[in-house]
N, C-alpha and C. Protein backbone atom coordinates (compact mmCIF):
# COMPACT_ATOMS: atom_id res chain seq x y z
N MET A 1 -110.94 64.64 -16.08
CA MET A 1 -112.02 63.44 -16.11
C MET A 1 -112.09 62.89 -14.73
N ALA A 2 -113.56 62.58 -14.55
CA ALA A 2 -113.82 61.74 -13.05
C ALA A 2 -113.44 60.45 -13.29
N TYR A 3 -112.87 59.86 -12.29
CA TYR A 3 -112.46 58.25 -12.15
C TYR A 3 -113.34 57.74 -11.21
N GLU A 4 -113.69 56.51 -11.33
CA GLU A 4 -114.59 55.78 -10.32
C GLU A 4 -113.66 55.18 -9.34
N GLN A 5 -114.24 54.65 -8.31
CA GLN A 5 -113.45 53.95 -7.14
C GLN A 5 -112.96 52.79 -7.80
N LYS A 6 -113.62 52.08 -8.39
CA LYS A 6 -113.14 50.75 -9.25
C LYS A 6 -111.99 50.91 -10.17
N ASP A 7 -111.75 52.22 -10.65
CA ASP A 7 -110.64 52.52 -11.40
C ASP A 7 -109.37 52.67 -10.34
N ILE A 8 -109.74 53.43 -9.42
CA ILE A 8 -108.52 53.63 -8.36
C ILE A 8 -108.28 52.29 -7.81
N ARG A 9 -109.14 51.41 -7.57
CA ARG A 9 -108.73 50.15 -6.92
C ARG A 9 -107.87 49.25 -8.14
N GLN A 10 -108.26 49.52 -9.23
CA GLN A 10 -107.50 48.70 -10.26
C GLN A 10 -106.26 49.32 -10.40
N ALA A 11 -106.05 50.69 -10.47
CA ALA A 11 -104.71 51.22 -10.63
C ALA A 11 -103.89 50.81 -9.34
N PHE A 12 -104.39 50.74 -8.24
CA PHE A 12 -103.65 50.04 -6.98
C PHE A 12 -103.13 48.79 -7.33
N GLN A 13 -104.07 47.84 -7.54
CA GLN A 13 -103.73 46.62 -7.79
C GLN A 13 -102.62 46.44 -8.94
N THR A 14 -102.61 47.11 -9.96
CA THR A 14 -101.86 47.18 -11.24
C THR A 14 -100.46 48.08 -10.72
N TRP A 15 -100.51 48.81 -9.96
CA TRP A 15 -99.24 49.35 -9.33
C TRP A 15 -98.53 48.41 -8.41
N ARG A 16 -99.25 47.64 -7.64
CA ARG A 16 -98.67 46.52 -6.85
C ARG A 16 -97.82 45.46 -7.71
N GLN A 17 -98.82 45.05 -8.90
CA GLN A 17 -98.13 44.00 -9.64
C GLN A 17 -96.98 44.67 -10.28
N PHE A 18 -96.81 45.64 -10.48
CA PHE A 18 -95.68 46.22 -11.35
C PHE A 18 -94.74 46.94 -10.20
N ASN A 19 -94.63 46.35 -9.08
CA ASN A 19 -93.52 46.60 -8.17
C ASN A 19 -93.72 48.30 -7.73
N ARG A 20 -94.86 48.58 -7.67
CA ARG A 20 -94.92 50.07 -7.13
C ARG A 20 -94.37 51.22 -8.17
N ASN A 21 -94.42 50.78 -9.56
CA ASN A 21 -93.67 51.64 -10.48
C ASN A 21 -95.12 52.37 -11.15
N VAL A 22 -95.17 53.71 -10.92
CA VAL A 22 -96.15 54.37 -11.52
C VAL A 22 -96.11 54.59 -12.81
N GLU A 23 -95.04 54.72 -13.55
CA GLU A 23 -94.93 54.89 -15.19
C GLU A 23 -95.36 53.40 -15.63
N LYS A 24 -94.86 52.47 -15.22
CA LYS A 24 -95.37 51.12 -15.61
C LYS A 24 -96.86 50.86 -15.54
N THR A 25 -97.45 51.21 -14.21
CA THR A 25 -98.58 51.07 -13.97
C THR A 25 -99.65 51.82 -15.02
N VAL A 26 -99.10 53.06 -15.32
CA VAL A 26 -100.00 53.97 -16.27
C VAL A 26 -99.98 53.28 -17.45
N ARG A 27 -98.71 52.80 -18.11
CA ARG A 27 -98.94 52.21 -19.29
C ARG A 27 -99.50 50.85 -19.43
N GLU A 28 -99.65 50.14 -18.39
CA GLU A 28 -100.54 49.16 -18.35
C GLU A 28 -102.07 49.26 -18.37
N LEU A 29 -102.19 50.18 -17.54
CA LEU A 29 -103.68 50.63 -17.34
C LEU A 29 -104.33 51.19 -18.78
N ARG A 30 -103.41 51.94 -19.36
CA ARG A 30 -103.98 52.41 -20.78
C ARG A 30 -103.85 51.32 -21.78
N ARG A 31 -103.20 50.41 -21.68
CA ARG A 31 -103.27 49.20 -22.54
C ARG A 31 -104.37 48.33 -22.31
N GLU A 32 -104.74 48.02 -21.07
CA GLU A 32 -105.59 47.06 -20.77
C GLU A 32 -106.89 47.77 -20.54
N TYR A 33 -107.20 48.86 -20.14
CA TYR A 33 -108.41 49.65 -20.07
C TYR A 33 -108.70 50.65 -20.89
N PRO A 34 -109.48 50.36 -21.89
CA PRO A 34 -109.72 51.42 -22.92
C PRO A 34 -110.14 52.87 -22.38
N HIS A 35 -111.06 52.53 -21.21
CA HIS A 35 -111.57 53.86 -20.74
C HIS A 35 -110.71 54.60 -19.83
N LEU A 36 -109.43 54.16 -19.72
CA LEU A 36 -108.37 54.84 -18.95
C LEU A 36 -106.95 55.26 -19.91
N LYS A 37 -107.36 55.05 -21.03
CA LYS A 37 -106.52 55.64 -22.07
C LYS A 37 -105.86 56.88 -21.97
N ASN A 38 -106.40 57.97 -21.28
CA ASN A 38 -106.08 59.12 -20.89
C ASN A 38 -105.28 59.24 -19.35
N ILE A 39 -105.38 58.31 -18.65
CA ILE A 39 -104.82 58.23 -17.37
C ILE A 39 -103.40 58.68 -17.40
N SER A 40 -103.01 59.67 -16.48
CA SER A 40 -101.58 60.34 -16.45
C SER A 40 -100.88 59.78 -15.09
N VAL A 41 -99.58 59.92 -15.26
CA VAL A 41 -98.56 59.56 -14.23
C VAL A 41 -99.09 60.53 -12.89
N PRO A 42 -99.35 61.72 -13.23
CA PRO A 42 -99.64 62.51 -11.96
C PRO A 42 -100.94 62.25 -11.13
N THR A 43 -101.83 61.67 -12.13
CA THR A 43 -103.00 61.14 -11.46
C THR A 43 -102.85 60.00 -10.47
N VAL A 44 -102.14 59.01 -11.12
CA VAL A 44 -101.74 57.92 -10.39
C VAL A 44 -101.13 58.13 -9.13
N SER A 45 -100.10 58.99 -9.25
CA SER A 45 -99.20 59.20 -8.22
C SER A 45 -99.82 60.05 -7.13
N SER A 46 -101.04 60.89 -7.56
CA SER A 46 -101.84 61.78 -6.49
C SER A 46 -102.55 60.64 -5.76
N TRP A 47 -103.14 59.40 -6.51
CA TRP A 47 -103.84 58.47 -5.65
C TRP A 47 -102.88 57.85 -4.87
N ARG A 48 -101.76 57.39 -5.09
CA ARG A 48 -100.79 56.76 -4.46
C ARG A 48 -100.63 57.61 -3.07
N ASP A 49 -100.38 58.66 -3.35
CA ASP A 49 -100.11 59.63 -2.02
C ASP A 49 -101.52 59.97 -1.36
N LYS A 50 -102.45 60.17 -1.74
CA LYS A 50 -103.77 60.51 -1.23
C LYS A 50 -104.56 59.10 -0.49
N TYR A 51 -104.15 58.05 -0.97
CA TYR A 51 -104.72 56.75 -0.33
C TYR A 51 -103.81 56.11 0.20
N ASP A 52 -102.58 56.54 0.58
CA ASP A 52 -101.52 55.97 1.19
C ASP A 52 -101.18 54.35 0.72
N TRP A 53 -101.14 54.41 -0.51
CA TRP A 53 -100.95 53.07 -1.26
C TRP A 53 -99.81 52.26 -0.66
N ASN A 54 -98.67 52.91 -0.23
CA ASN A 54 -97.53 52.17 0.23
C ASN A 54 -97.74 51.50 1.48
N SER A 55 -98.63 52.18 2.58
CA SER A 55 -98.93 51.44 3.71
C SER A 55 -99.88 50.31 3.56
N GLN A 56 -100.91 50.41 2.61
CA GLN A 56 -101.80 49.28 2.00
C GLN A 56 -101.05 48.11 1.42
N ALA A 57 -100.05 48.67 0.64
CA ALA A 57 -99.33 47.43 0.03
C ALA A 57 -98.50 46.86 0.99
N ASP A 58 -97.75 47.42 1.93
CA ASP A 58 -96.94 46.56 2.90
C ASP A 58 -97.87 45.75 3.52
N ARG A 59 -98.87 46.19 4.09
CA ARG A 59 -99.94 45.50 4.87
C ARG A 59 -100.31 44.29 4.00
N LEU A 60 -100.84 44.48 2.92
CA LEU A 60 -101.17 43.30 2.06
C LEU A 60 -99.96 42.18 1.67
N ASP A 61 -98.59 42.88 1.75
CA ASP A 61 -97.63 41.99 1.50
C ASP A 61 -97.29 41.14 2.53
N LEU A 62 -97.48 41.76 3.81
CA LEU A 62 -97.39 40.93 5.05
C LEU A 62 -98.49 39.88 5.06
N LEU A 63 -99.49 40.18 4.85
CA LEU A 63 -100.64 39.23 4.77
C LEU A 63 -100.43 37.99 3.70
N GLU A 64 -100.07 38.43 2.66
CA GLU A 64 -99.51 37.33 1.48
C GLU A 64 -98.65 36.36 2.00
N GLN A 65 -97.46 36.98 2.75
CA GLN A 65 -96.32 36.26 3.20
C GLN A 65 -96.98 35.31 4.29
N LYS A 66 -97.82 35.71 5.08
CA LYS A 66 -98.38 34.89 6.08
C LYS A 66 -99.16 33.80 5.59
N PHE A 67 -100.13 34.26 4.73
CA PHE A 67 -100.95 33.10 4.01
C PHE A 67 -100.10 32.05 3.12
N ASP A 68 -98.92 32.68 2.51
CA ASP A 68 -98.08 31.65 1.65
C ASP A 68 -97.31 30.74 2.69
N SER A 69 -97.18 31.38 3.90
CA SER A 69 -96.45 30.40 4.73
C SER A 69 -97.45 29.38 5.25
N GLU A 70 -98.57 29.96 5.76
CA GLU A 70 -99.52 28.94 6.19
C GLU A 70 -99.97 27.90 5.08
N ILE A 71 -100.11 28.28 3.73
CA ILE A 71 -100.20 27.25 2.70
C ILE A 71 -99.15 26.22 2.80
N GLU A 72 -97.71 26.66 2.91
CA GLU A 72 -96.77 25.88 2.88
C GLU A 72 -96.94 24.73 4.00
N ASN A 73 -97.40 25.17 5.18
CA ASN A 73 -97.47 24.39 6.17
C ASN A 73 -98.57 23.28 5.98
N VAL A 74 -99.63 23.72 5.59
CA VAL A 74 -100.63 22.81 5.17
C VAL A 74 -100.19 21.80 4.23
N GLU A 75 -99.46 22.27 3.26
CA GLU A 75 -98.94 21.26 2.25
C GLU A 75 -98.00 20.27 2.77
N LEU A 76 -97.04 20.71 3.81
CA LEU A 76 -96.27 19.79 4.53
C LEU A 76 -97.36 18.84 5.33
N ILE A 77 -98.31 19.30 6.03
CA ILE A 77 -98.96 18.30 6.76
C ILE A 77 -99.57 17.21 5.78
N LEU A 78 -100.20 17.82 4.76
CA LEU A 78 -101.05 17.05 3.81
C LEU A 78 -99.99 16.03 3.29
N LEU A 79 -98.88 16.44 2.80
CA LEU A 79 -97.76 15.54 2.42
C LEU A 79 -97.58 14.43 3.42
N GLN A 80 -97.34 14.66 4.69
CA GLN A 80 -96.94 13.86 5.71
C GLN A 80 -98.22 12.78 6.03
N GLU A 81 -99.60 13.31 6.01
CA GLU A 81 -100.54 12.67 6.29
C GLU A 81 -100.87 11.55 4.86
N LEU A 82 -100.67 12.24 3.90
CA LEU A 82 -101.10 11.24 2.49
C LEU A 82 -99.84 10.35 2.35
N GLY A 83 -98.63 10.60 2.95
CA GLY A 83 -97.57 9.68 2.68
C GLY A 83 -97.91 8.47 3.75
N GLN A 84 -98.27 8.82 4.98
CA GLN A 84 -98.53 7.84 5.87
C GLN A 84 -99.80 6.98 5.46
N SER A 85 -100.82 7.67 4.86
CA SER A 85 -102.09 6.74 4.25
C SER A 85 -101.65 5.93 3.16
N LEU A 86 -100.72 6.34 2.29
CA LEU A 86 -100.27 5.29 1.25
C LEU A 86 -99.38 4.07 1.96
N LYS A 87 -98.59 4.54 3.06
CA LYS A 87 -97.92 3.35 3.61
C LYS A 87 -98.76 2.45 4.20
N ASP A 88 -99.93 3.01 4.97
CA ASP A 88 -100.98 2.20 5.61
C ASP A 88 -101.56 1.37 4.70
N LEU A 89 -101.97 1.93 3.71
CA LEU A 89 -102.72 1.16 2.33
C LEU A 89 -101.99 0.07 2.06
N VAL A 90 -100.63 0.17 1.75
CA VAL A 90 -99.79 -0.68 1.26
C VAL A 90 -99.41 -1.81 2.08
N ALA A 91 -99.37 -1.47 3.41
CA ALA A 91 -99.05 -2.35 4.58
C ALA A 91 -100.36 -3.24 4.82
N GLY A 92 -101.41 -2.67 4.32
CA GLY A 92 -102.85 -3.58 5.02
C GLY A 92 -103.39 -2.94 6.26
N LYS A 93 -102.87 -2.00 6.74
CA LYS A 93 -103.33 -1.51 8.00
C LYS A 93 -104.77 -0.63 7.84
N ILE A 94 -105.00 -0.56 6.63
CA ILE A 94 -106.36 0.18 6.45
C ILE A 94 -107.16 -0.94 5.74
N HIS A 95 -108.28 -1.43 6.10
CA HIS A 95 -109.04 -2.33 5.64
C HIS A 95 -109.92 -1.97 4.32
N VAL A 96 -109.67 -2.69 3.40
CA VAL A 96 -110.48 -2.35 2.22
C VAL A 96 -111.08 -3.78 1.67
N ASP A 97 -112.43 -3.55 1.38
CA ASP A 97 -113.14 -4.86 1.06
C ASP A 97 -112.67 -5.53 -0.26
N ARG A 98 -112.45 -4.72 -1.13
CA ARG A 98 -112.29 -5.30 -2.56
C ARG A 98 -110.72 -4.76 -2.94
N PRO A 99 -109.94 -5.67 -3.56
CA PRO A 99 -108.68 -5.42 -3.94
C PRO A 99 -108.60 -4.06 -4.96
N ILE A 100 -109.67 -4.13 -5.79
CA ILE A 100 -109.62 -2.89 -6.80
C ILE A 100 -109.76 -1.62 -5.97
N GLU A 101 -110.50 -1.44 -4.89
CA GLU A 101 -110.73 -0.31 -4.15
C GLU A 101 -109.33 -0.01 -3.44
N LYS A 102 -108.56 -1.01 -2.91
CA LYS A 102 -107.43 -0.76 -2.44
C LYS A 102 -106.41 0.02 -3.24
N ILE A 103 -106.36 -0.65 -4.73
CA ILE A 103 -105.51 -0.06 -5.76
C ILE A 103 -106.03 1.33 -6.01
N TYR A 104 -107.19 1.53 -6.16
CA TYR A 104 -107.84 2.90 -6.55
C TYR A 104 -107.52 3.90 -5.45
N ALA A 105 -107.74 3.39 -4.21
CA ALA A 105 -107.26 4.47 -3.04
C ALA A 105 -105.70 4.58 -3.15
N GLU A 106 -104.91 3.58 -3.41
CA GLU A 106 -103.40 3.74 -3.52
C GLU A 106 -103.01 4.96 -4.63
N VAL A 107 -103.59 4.73 -5.61
CA VAL A 107 -103.29 5.45 -6.73
C VAL A 107 -103.84 7.04 -6.59
N LYS A 108 -105.15 6.97 -5.90
CA LYS A 108 -105.66 8.50 -5.62
C LYS A 108 -104.86 9.18 -4.56
N VAL A 109 -104.35 8.71 -3.59
CA VAL A 109 -103.51 9.00 -2.52
C VAL A 109 -102.08 9.42 -3.24
N ALA A 110 -101.59 8.70 -4.06
CA ALA A 110 -100.30 8.98 -4.65
C ALA A 110 -100.59 10.15 -5.74
N HIS A 111 -101.50 10.21 -6.28
CA HIS A 111 -102.00 11.24 -6.99
C HIS A 111 -101.83 12.56 -6.42
N GLU A 112 -102.53 12.60 -5.19
CA GLU A 112 -102.65 13.81 -4.55
C GLU A 112 -101.16 14.24 -3.82
N LEU A 113 -100.51 13.20 -3.46
CA LEU A 113 -99.04 13.31 -3.15
C LEU A 113 -98.22 14.10 -4.46
N GLY A 114 -98.38 13.52 -5.51
CA GLY A 114 -97.67 14.16 -6.69
C GLY A 114 -98.10 15.61 -7.19
N THR A 115 -99.35 15.81 -6.83
CA THR A 115 -99.82 17.15 -7.19
C THR A 115 -99.16 18.15 -6.40
N ILE A 116 -99.13 17.96 -4.86
CA ILE A 116 -98.65 18.75 -3.99
C ILE A 116 -97.09 19.10 -4.28
N VAL A 117 -96.53 17.81 -4.38
CA VAL A 117 -94.94 17.94 -4.67
C VAL A 117 -94.59 18.56 -5.80
N ASN A 118 -95.31 18.36 -6.95
CA ASN A 118 -95.13 19.26 -8.13
C ASN A 118 -95.26 20.62 -7.91
N ARG A 119 -96.41 21.22 -7.23
CA ARG A 119 -96.61 22.40 -7.03
C ARG A 119 -95.56 23.02 -6.21
N ARG A 120 -94.86 22.24 -5.28
CA ARG A 120 -93.62 22.79 -4.30
C ARG A 120 -92.47 22.92 -5.06
N ARG A 121 -92.39 21.98 -6.08
CA ARG A 121 -91.07 22.16 -6.97
C ARG A 121 -91.02 23.38 -7.59
N GLN A 122 -92.06 23.76 -8.16
CA GLN A 122 -92.13 25.03 -8.92
C GLN A 122 -91.97 26.33 -7.94
N ALA A 123 -90.77 26.52 -7.98
CA ALA A 123 -90.43 27.50 -6.86
C ALA A 123 -90.82 28.99 -7.48
N ASP A 124 -90.84 29.15 -8.77
CA ASP A 124 -91.39 30.32 -9.05
C ASP A 124 -92.91 30.43 -9.41
N HIS A 125 -93.60 29.41 -9.09
CA HIS A 125 -94.79 29.34 -9.54
C HIS A 125 -95.69 30.19 -8.84
N LYS A 126 -96.32 31.23 -9.32
CA LYS A 126 -97.34 31.93 -8.55
C LYS A 126 -98.53 31.16 -8.25
N ILE A 127 -98.89 31.27 -6.85
CA ILE A 127 -99.95 30.33 -6.38
C ILE A 127 -101.26 31.15 -6.56
N ASP A 128 -102.07 30.19 -7.27
CA ASP A 128 -103.53 30.72 -7.45
C ASP A 128 -104.30 30.50 -6.27
N ARG A 129 -104.41 31.28 -5.29
CA ARG A 129 -105.06 31.21 -3.97
C ARG A 129 -106.57 30.55 -4.23
N ARG A 130 -107.06 31.38 -5.16
CA ARG A 130 -108.49 30.85 -5.33
C ARG A 130 -108.79 29.46 -5.54
N ALA A 131 -108.00 29.03 -6.47
CA ALA A 131 -107.91 27.42 -7.14
C ALA A 131 -107.58 26.74 -5.93
N LEU A 132 -106.43 27.01 -5.10
CA LEU A 132 -106.14 26.07 -4.09
C LEU A 132 -106.90 26.04 -3.04
N PHE A 133 -107.62 27.21 -2.70
CA PHE A 133 -108.69 27.19 -1.71
C PHE A 133 -109.94 26.34 -2.21
N LEU A 134 -110.28 26.32 -3.25
CA LEU A 134 -111.42 25.48 -3.82
C LEU A 134 -110.89 24.14 -3.89
N GLU A 135 -109.69 23.78 -4.29
CA GLU A 135 -109.18 22.52 -4.22
C GLU A 135 -109.10 21.94 -2.70
N LEU A 136 -108.52 22.50 -1.86
CA LEU A 136 -108.81 22.12 -0.42
C LEU A 136 -110.18 21.93 -0.14
N LEU A 137 -110.93 22.88 -0.27
CA LEU A 137 -112.42 22.82 0.29
C LEU A 137 -113.07 21.45 -0.44
N GLU A 138 -112.76 21.15 -1.76
CA GLU A 138 -113.47 20.00 -2.40
C GLU A 138 -112.93 18.62 -1.72
N PHE A 139 -111.55 18.78 -1.40
CA PHE A 139 -110.83 17.72 -0.82
C PHE A 139 -111.41 17.37 0.56
N GLU A 140 -111.73 18.55 1.34
CA GLU A 140 -112.29 18.40 2.42
C GLU A 140 -113.84 17.97 2.58
N LEU A 141 -114.40 18.37 1.59
CA LEU A 141 -115.85 17.85 1.51
C LEU A 141 -115.91 16.42 1.25
N ARG A 142 -115.09 15.97 0.37
CA ARG A 142 -114.83 14.57 -0.13
C ARG A 142 -114.70 13.68 1.17
N TYR A 143 -113.73 14.14 1.87
CA TYR A 143 -113.22 13.45 3.18
C TYR A 143 -114.35 13.45 4.13
N LEU A 144 -115.01 14.62 4.31
CA LEU A 144 -116.27 14.60 5.24
C LEU A 144 -117.20 13.67 4.87
N THR A 145 -117.44 13.59 3.47
CA THR A 145 -118.51 12.81 3.05
C THR A 145 -118.10 11.24 3.17
N GLU A 146 -116.78 11.05 2.84
CA GLU A 146 -116.57 9.37 3.28
C GLU A 146 -116.69 9.27 4.72
N GLN A 147 -116.45 10.18 5.69
CA GLN A 147 -116.47 9.80 7.03
C GLN A 147 -117.92 9.73 7.54
N GLY A 148 -118.86 10.14 6.68
CA GLY A 148 -120.14 10.05 7.05
C GLY A 148 -120.76 11.40 7.71
N GLU A 149 -119.99 12.39 7.68
CA GLU A 149 -120.42 13.52 8.14
C GLU A 149 -121.41 14.50 7.56
N THR A 150 -122.45 14.04 7.24
CA THR A 150 -123.42 14.39 6.39
C THR A 150 -124.25 15.81 6.68
N GLU A 151 -124.27 15.90 7.90
CA GLU A 151 -124.76 17.20 8.58
C GLU A 151 -123.78 18.37 8.44
N LEU A 152 -122.55 18.04 8.58
CA LEU A 152 -121.43 19.07 8.47
C LEU A 152 -121.18 19.58 6.90
N VAL A 153 -121.24 18.34 6.00
CA VAL A 153 -121.26 18.56 4.58
C VAL A 153 -122.38 19.54 4.25
N GLU A 154 -123.62 19.16 4.70
CA GLU A 154 -124.79 20.09 4.25
C GLU A 154 -124.63 21.36 4.83
N ALA A 155 -123.99 21.65 5.81
CA ALA A 155 -123.93 22.84 6.57
C ALA A 155 -122.92 23.71 5.70
N LEU A 156 -121.74 23.20 5.42
CA LEU A 156 -120.88 23.64 4.43
C LEU A 156 -121.46 24.08 3.00
N ALA A 157 -122.20 23.06 2.40
CA ALA A 157 -122.82 23.56 1.09
C ALA A 157 -123.67 24.67 1.15
N GLN A 158 -124.37 24.92 2.31
CA GLN A 158 -125.19 25.72 2.19
C GLN A 158 -124.68 27.18 2.15
N HIS A 159 -123.40 27.24 2.44
CA HIS A 159 -122.44 28.56 2.24
C HIS A 159 -121.38 28.58 1.23
N LEU A 160 -121.56 27.57 0.14
CA LEU A 160 -120.46 27.57 -0.93
C LEU A 160 -120.81 28.76 -1.90
N ASP A 161 -121.80 29.18 -1.95
CA ASP A 161 -122.06 30.28 -3.01
C ASP A 161 -121.55 31.47 -2.39
N GLY A 162 -121.85 31.72 -0.89
CA GLY A 162 -121.13 32.97 -0.33
C GLY A 162 -119.61 32.83 -0.43
N MET A 163 -119.23 31.60 0.16
CA MET A 163 -117.73 31.65 0.05
C MET A 163 -117.07 31.72 -1.28
N GLY A 164 -117.68 31.30 -2.44
CA GLY A 164 -117.32 31.50 -3.56
C GLY A 164 -117.34 33.11 -4.09
N ALA A 165 -118.43 33.82 -3.68
CA ALA A 165 -118.46 35.04 -3.95
C ALA A 165 -117.23 35.89 -3.10
N ALA A 166 -116.92 35.55 -1.81
CA ALA A 166 -116.03 36.23 -1.04
C ALA A 166 -114.65 35.84 -1.52
N ILE A 167 -114.64 34.56 -2.12
CA ILE A 167 -113.23 34.22 -2.67
C ILE A 167 -112.99 35.18 -3.98
N ASP A 168 -114.03 35.28 -4.76
CA ASP A 168 -113.76 36.04 -6.13
C ASP A 168 -113.60 37.53 -5.64
N LYS A 169 -114.12 38.08 -4.57
CA LYS A 169 -113.94 39.36 -4.04
C LYS A 169 -112.41 39.57 -3.69
N GLU A 170 -112.10 38.49 -2.81
CA GLU A 170 -110.60 38.68 -2.16
C GLU A 170 -109.65 38.51 -3.24
N TYR A 171 -109.78 37.65 -4.19
CA TYR A 171 -108.74 37.37 -4.91
C TYR A 171 -108.83 37.57 -6.50
N ALA A 172 -109.82 38.72 -6.40
CA ALA A 172 -110.12 39.13 -8.20
C ALA A 172 -108.74 39.71 -8.82
N SER A 173 -108.71 39.51 -9.96
CA SER A 173 -107.45 40.01 -10.75
C SER A 173 -107.81 41.35 -11.22
């Protein structure tokens, strides 16, 4: 049977997901993809060797580790900045015209802090990079809008569809 490149890519992703175990990969492919019901261990093994999946997986693992480390650094910076913002709001260092706006700002900053802290506490939590990227982008757009950076927001907005497509392609399941 002739397989398409998308089948080979799916097999590679599944193989990585199942810790490079060919037998488990074949079982999962057969279970999840009806058109691959006849795929065999020798076929997946030959793809693994032909396309040098081990080297590709090693490179991807390193990139993911680097990305995870960068996410952790960003979270730490955000925690520090949000914590300082909350302190400044409570201390009155940030001028807010109406008391209700101050309360709203304090609650919003505390919520953002809680969200990040909760995510960090879940040690075995698999990071949804796509959702995290979109969440950070949304946060950045809100911040830039509040700062009056309309030109920058408009420039970013022009590329949202392209960024969304790129994220989908990069982090497709």
